[in-house]
C-alpha atoms as a PDB file:
ATOM      1  CA  MET A   1      -0.190   0.322  -0.084  1.00  0.00           C
ATOM      2  CA  ILE A   2       1.112   3.649  -0.711  1.00  0.00           C
ATOM      3  CA  GLN A   3       0.304   6.268   1.274  1.00  0.00           C
ATOM      4  CA  ARG A   4       0.841   9.849   2.268  1.00  0.00           C
ATOM      5  CA  LYS A   5       1.840  11.922   4.830  1.00  0.00           C
ATOM      6  CA  ARG A   6       3.495  15.832   5.889  1.00  0.00           C
ATOM      7  CA  ILE A   7       7.359  15.455   6.688  1.00  0.00           C
ATOM      8  CA  TYR A   8       6.373  17.573   9.748  1.00  0.00           C
ATOM      9  CA  ALA A   9       3.996  14.709  10.993  1.00  0.00           C
ATOM     10  CA  ALA A  10       5.504  12.597  13.639  1.00  0.00           C
ATOM     11  CA  TYR A  11       7.534   9.465  12.333  1.00  0.00           C
ATOM     12  CA  ALA A  12       5.776   6.137  12.860  1.00  0.00           C
ATOM     13  CA  ALA A  13       7.233   2.624  12.666  1.00  0.00           C
ATOM     14  CA  ASP A  14       4.257   1.372  10.301  1.00  0.00           C
ATOM     15  CA  ASP A  15       5.163   3.962   7.650  1.00  0.00           C
ATOM     16  CA  GLY A  16       7.179   1.312   6.175  1.00  0.00           C
ATOM     17  CA  ALA A  17       9.759   2.683   3.487  1.00  0.00           C
ATOM     18  CA  ARG A  18       9.788   6.536   3.271  1.00  0.00           C
ATOM     19  CA  PHE A  19      10.521   8.391   0.360  1.00  0.00           C
ATOM     20  CA  LEU A  20      10.364  12.511   0.010  1.00  0.00           C
ATOM     21  CA  VAL A  21       8.798  13.709  -3.317  1.00  0.00           C
ATOM     22  CA  ASP A  22       9.907  17.287  -3.333  1.00  0.00           C
ATOM     23  CA  ARG A  23      12.644  19.088  -5.125  1.00  0.00           C
ATOM     24  CA  LEU A  24      13.322  21.079  -2.561  1.00  0.00           C
ATOM     25  CA  TRP A  25      14.453  19.930   1.083  1.00  0.00           C
ATOM     26  CA  PRO A  26      11.714  20.836   3.611  1.00  0.00           C
ATOM     27  CA  ARG A  27      12.410  23.835   5.822  1.00  0.00           C
ATOM     28  CA  GLY A  28      13.117  23.212   9.652  1.00  0.00           C
ATOM     29  CA  VAL A  29      13.679  19.420   9.187  1.00  0.00           C
ATOM     30  CA  ALA A  30      16.921  17.747   9.877  1.00  0.00           C
ATOM     31  CA  LYS A  31      17.800  14.693   7.637  1.00  0.00           C
ATOM     32  CA  GLU A  32      18.372  13.064  10.342  1.00  0.00           C
ATOM     33  CA  ALA A  33      14.537  13.580  11.853  1.00  0.00           C
ATOM     34  CA  ALA A  34      13.250  13.034   8.504  1.00  0.00           C
ATOM     35  CA  HIS A  35      13.740   8.734   8.433  1.00  0.00           C
ATOM     36  CA  LEU A  36      13.825   8.264   4.652  1.00  0.00           C
ATOM     37  CA  ASP A  37      14.637   5.875   2.919  1.00  0.00           C
ATOM     38  CA  GLY A  38      15.268   7.759  -0.430  1.00  0.00           C
ATOM     39  CA  TRP A  39      14.576  11.544  -2.418  1.00  0.00           C
ATOM     40  CA  LEU A  40      13.123  10.898  -5.443  1.00  0.00           C
ATOM     41  CA  LYS A  41      13.424  14.594  -6.764  1.00  0.00           C
ATOM     42  CA  VAL A  42      12.821  12.561 -10.352  1.00  0.00           C
ATOM     43  CA  ILE A  43       8.938  12.451  -9.596  1.00  0.00           C
ATOM     44  CA  ALA A  44       8.405  15.849  -7.978  1.00  0.00           C
ATOM     45  CA  PRO A  45       6.815  18.466  -9.888  1.00  0.00           C
ATOM     46  CA  SER A  46       9.536  20.530 -11.913  1.00  0.00           C
ATOM     47  CA  THR A  47      10.684  23.697 -10.691  1.00  0.00           C
ATOM     48  CA  ALA A  48       8.666  25.781 -13.020  1.00  0.00           C
ATOM     49  CA  LEU A  49       5.759  23.920 -13.074  1.00  0.00           C
ATOM     50  CA  ARG A  50       5.591  24.245  -9.033  1.00  0.00           C
ATOM     51  CA  GLN A  51       6.485  27.963  -9.442  1.00  0.00           C
ATOM     52  CA  ALA A  52       3.413  28.387 -11.805  1.00  0.00           C
ATOM     53  CA  TYR A  53       1.259  26.419  -9.551  1.00  0.00           C
ATOM     54  CA  HIS A  54       2.260  28.448  -6.440  1.00  0.00           C
ATOM     55  CA  GLN A  55       2.340  31.864  -7.927  1.00  0.00           C
ATOM     56  CA  GLY A  56      -1.318  31.558  -9.326  1.00  0.00           C
ATOM     57  CA  GLU A  57      -0.621  30.602 -13.078  1.00  0.00           C
ATOM     58  CA  CYS A  58      -2.598  27.827 -12.748  1.00  0.00           C
ATOM     59  CA  GLY A  59      -4.982  25.924 -10.919  1.00  0.00           C
ATOM     60  CA  TYR A  60      -4.946  22.569  -9.002  1.00  0.00           C
ATOM     61  CA  THR A  61      -6.513  20.717 -12.001  1.00  0.00           C
ATOM     62  CA  GLU A  62      -4.244  22.236 -14.802  1.00  0.00           C
ATOM     63  CA  LEU A  63      -0.826  21.445 -12.247  1.00  0.00           C
ATOM     64  CA  GLY A  64      -2.833  17.535 -12.227  1.00  0.00           C
ATOM     65  CA  GLU A  65      -2.880  17.763 -16.100  1.00  0.00           C
ATOM     66  CA  ARG A  66       0.436  18.772 -16.702  1.00  0.00           C
ATOM     67  CA  TYR A  67       2.109  17.265 -13.348  1.00  0.00           C
ATOM     68  CA  GLN A  68       0.634  13.845 -15.434  1.00  0.00           C
ATOM     69  CA  VAL A  69       2.248  15.177 -18.507  1.00  0.00           C
ATOM     70  CA  GLU A  70       5.778  15.942 -17.392  1.00  0.00           C
ATOM     71  CA  LEU A  71       6.040  12.477 -14.921  1.00  0.00           C
ATOM     72  CA  LEU A  72       4.589  10.562 -17.988  1.00  0.00           C
ATOM     73  CA  SER A  73       7.177  11.527 -21.119  1.00  0.00           C
ATOM     74  CA  GLN A  74      10.329  11.170 -18.782  1.00  0.00           C
ATOM     75  CA  PRO A  75      11.424   7.596 -19.106  1.00  0.00           C
ATOM     76  CA  GLU A  76      13.402   7.855 -15.697  1.00  0.00           C
ATOM     77  CA  ALA A  77      10.096   9.315 -13.178  1.00  0.00           C
ATOM     78  CA  VAL A  78       8.181   6.077 -15.180  1.00  0.00           C
ATOM     79  CA  ALA A  79      10.249   3.690 -14.061  1.00  0.00           C
ATOM     80  CA  CYS A  80      10.594   4.931 -10.300  1.00  0.00           C
ATOM     81  CA  LEU A  81       6.786   4.905 -10.906  1.00  0.00           C
ATOM     82  CA  ALA A  82       6.403   1.609 -11.616  1.00  0.00           C
ATOM     83  CA  ASP A  83       9.078   0.152  -8.940  1.00  0.00           C
ATOM     84  CA  LEU A  84       7.303   2.428  -6.166  1.00  0.00           C
ATOM     85  CA  ALA A  85       3.695   0.343  -7.530  1.00  0.00           C
ATOM     86  CA  GLU A  86       5.777  -2.819  -7.558  1.00  0.00           C
ATOM     87  CA  ARG A  87       7.825  -2.256  -4.260  1.00  0.00           C
ATOM     88  CA  SER A  88       3.771  -1.192  -2.554  1.00  0.00           C
ATOM     89  CA  MET A  89       2.706  -4.752  -3.024  1.00  0.00           C
ATOM     90  CA  THR A  90       4.650  -6.236  -0.437  1.00  0.00           C
ATOM     91  CA  GLN A  91       5.464  -3.361   1.468  1.00  0.00           C
ATOM     92  CA  THR A  92       3.877  -0.173   3.169  1.00  0.00           C
ATOM     93  CA  ILE A  93       5.506   2.868   0.884  1.00  0.00           C
ATOM     94  CA  THR A  94       4.608   6.681   2.283  1.00  0.00           C
ATOM     95  CA  LEU A  95       5.221   9.187   0.171  1.00  0.00           C
ATOM     96  CA  VAL A  96       6.777  12.485   2.438  1.00  0.00           C
ATOM     97  CA  TYR A  97       5.933  16.176   1.338  1.00  0.00           C
ATOM     98  CA  ALA A  98       6.055  19.452   3.032  1.00  0.00           C
ATOM     99  CA  ALA A  99       3.050  21.068   1.035  1.00  0.00           C
ATOM    100  CA  ARG A 100       1.008  22.903   3.633  1.00  0.00           C
ATOM    101  CA  ASP A 101      -2.481  21.762   1.620  1.00  0.00           C
ATOM    102  CA  GLU A 102      -3.219  18.120   2.627  1.00  0.00           C
ATOM    103  CA  THR A 103      -6.040  17.810   0.148  1.00  0.00           C
ATOM    104  CA  GLN A 104      -4.783  19.804  -3.004  1.00  0.00           C
ATOM    105  CA  ASN A 105      -1.099  19.259  -3.660  1.00  0.00           C
ATOM    106  CA  HIS A 106       1.379  17.596  -6.363  1.00  0.00           C
ATOM    107  CA  VAL A 107       1.478  14.207  -4.091  1.00  0.00           C
ATOM    108  CA  GLN A 108      -2.640  13.408  -4.228  1.00  0.00           C
ATOM    109  CA  ILE A 109      -1.733  13.636  -7.911  1.00  0.00           C
ATOM    110  CA  LEU A 110       0.756  11.675  -7.231  1.00  0.00           C
ATOM    111  CA  MET A 111      -1.037   8.535  -5.672  1.00  0.00           C
ATOM    112  CA  THR A 112      -3.891   8.875  -8.307  1.00  0.00           C
ATOM    113  CA  ILE A 113      -1.061   8.517 -11.336  1.00  0.00           C
ATOM    114  CA  LEU A 114       0.317   5.814  -9.393  1.00  0.00           C
ATOM    115  CA  GLN A 115      -3.713   3.995  -8.880  1.00  0.00           C
ATOM    116  CA  ASP A 116      -4.745   4.668 -12.257  1.00  0.00           C
ATOM    117  CA  GLU A 117      -1.324   4.124 -14.467  1.00  0.00           C
ATOM    118  CA  PHE A 118       0.668   1.630 -12.335  1.00  0.00           C
ATOM    119  CA  GLY A 119      -2.304  -0.381 -10.176  1.00  0.00           C
ATOM    120  CA  ALA A 120      -1.096   0.744  -6.929  1.00  0.00           C
ATOM    121  CA  ALA A 121      -3.105   0.635  -4.149  1.00  0.00           C
ATOM    122  CA  CYS A 122      -2.876   3.921  -2.748  1.00  0.00           C
ATOM    123  CA  ALA A 123      -5.102   4.852   0.511  1.00  0.00           C
ATOM    124  CA  ALA A 124      -7.087   8.103   0.491  1.00  0.00           C
ATOM    125  CA  GLU A 125      -6.566   9.816   3.854  1.00  0.00           C
ATOM    126  CA  GLY A 126      -3.369   8.629   5.757  1.00  0.00           C
ATOM    127  CA  LYS A 127      -3.937   4.895   6.302  1.00  0.00           C
ATOM    128  CA  THR A 128      -7.593   4.211   5.031  1.00  0.00           C
ATOM    129  CA  GLN A 129      -7.158   2.288   2.684  1.00  0.00           C
ATOM    130  CA  LEU A 130      -9.438   2.384  -0.847  1.00  0.00           C
END
């Protein structure tokens, strides 16, 4: 199963393998305290797309559309997504992010892509499975 969690939330042993999916390191978080198994910059939105969203140049729906095109057009990102989906069949994967908005962020979009394109089992909220 794949779940999501803000990096500022407390680490839990049942988080499984934790991967940061932001391009920038979160402010105020020590690397040791993050309890990460990896930092997957390759599947984070591009700097240009992230800035366009944060500056209001595109809305959440457009972010989702552009982010999906971005991800699925990059072979390295597709391979990473396929690996995450495969690993999620045998272990819990937690995608860690820093966004303040817990309902409309790139990780929500990423989990939808993982589910729709790669058949990964993704949690709807926290640890609640779909």
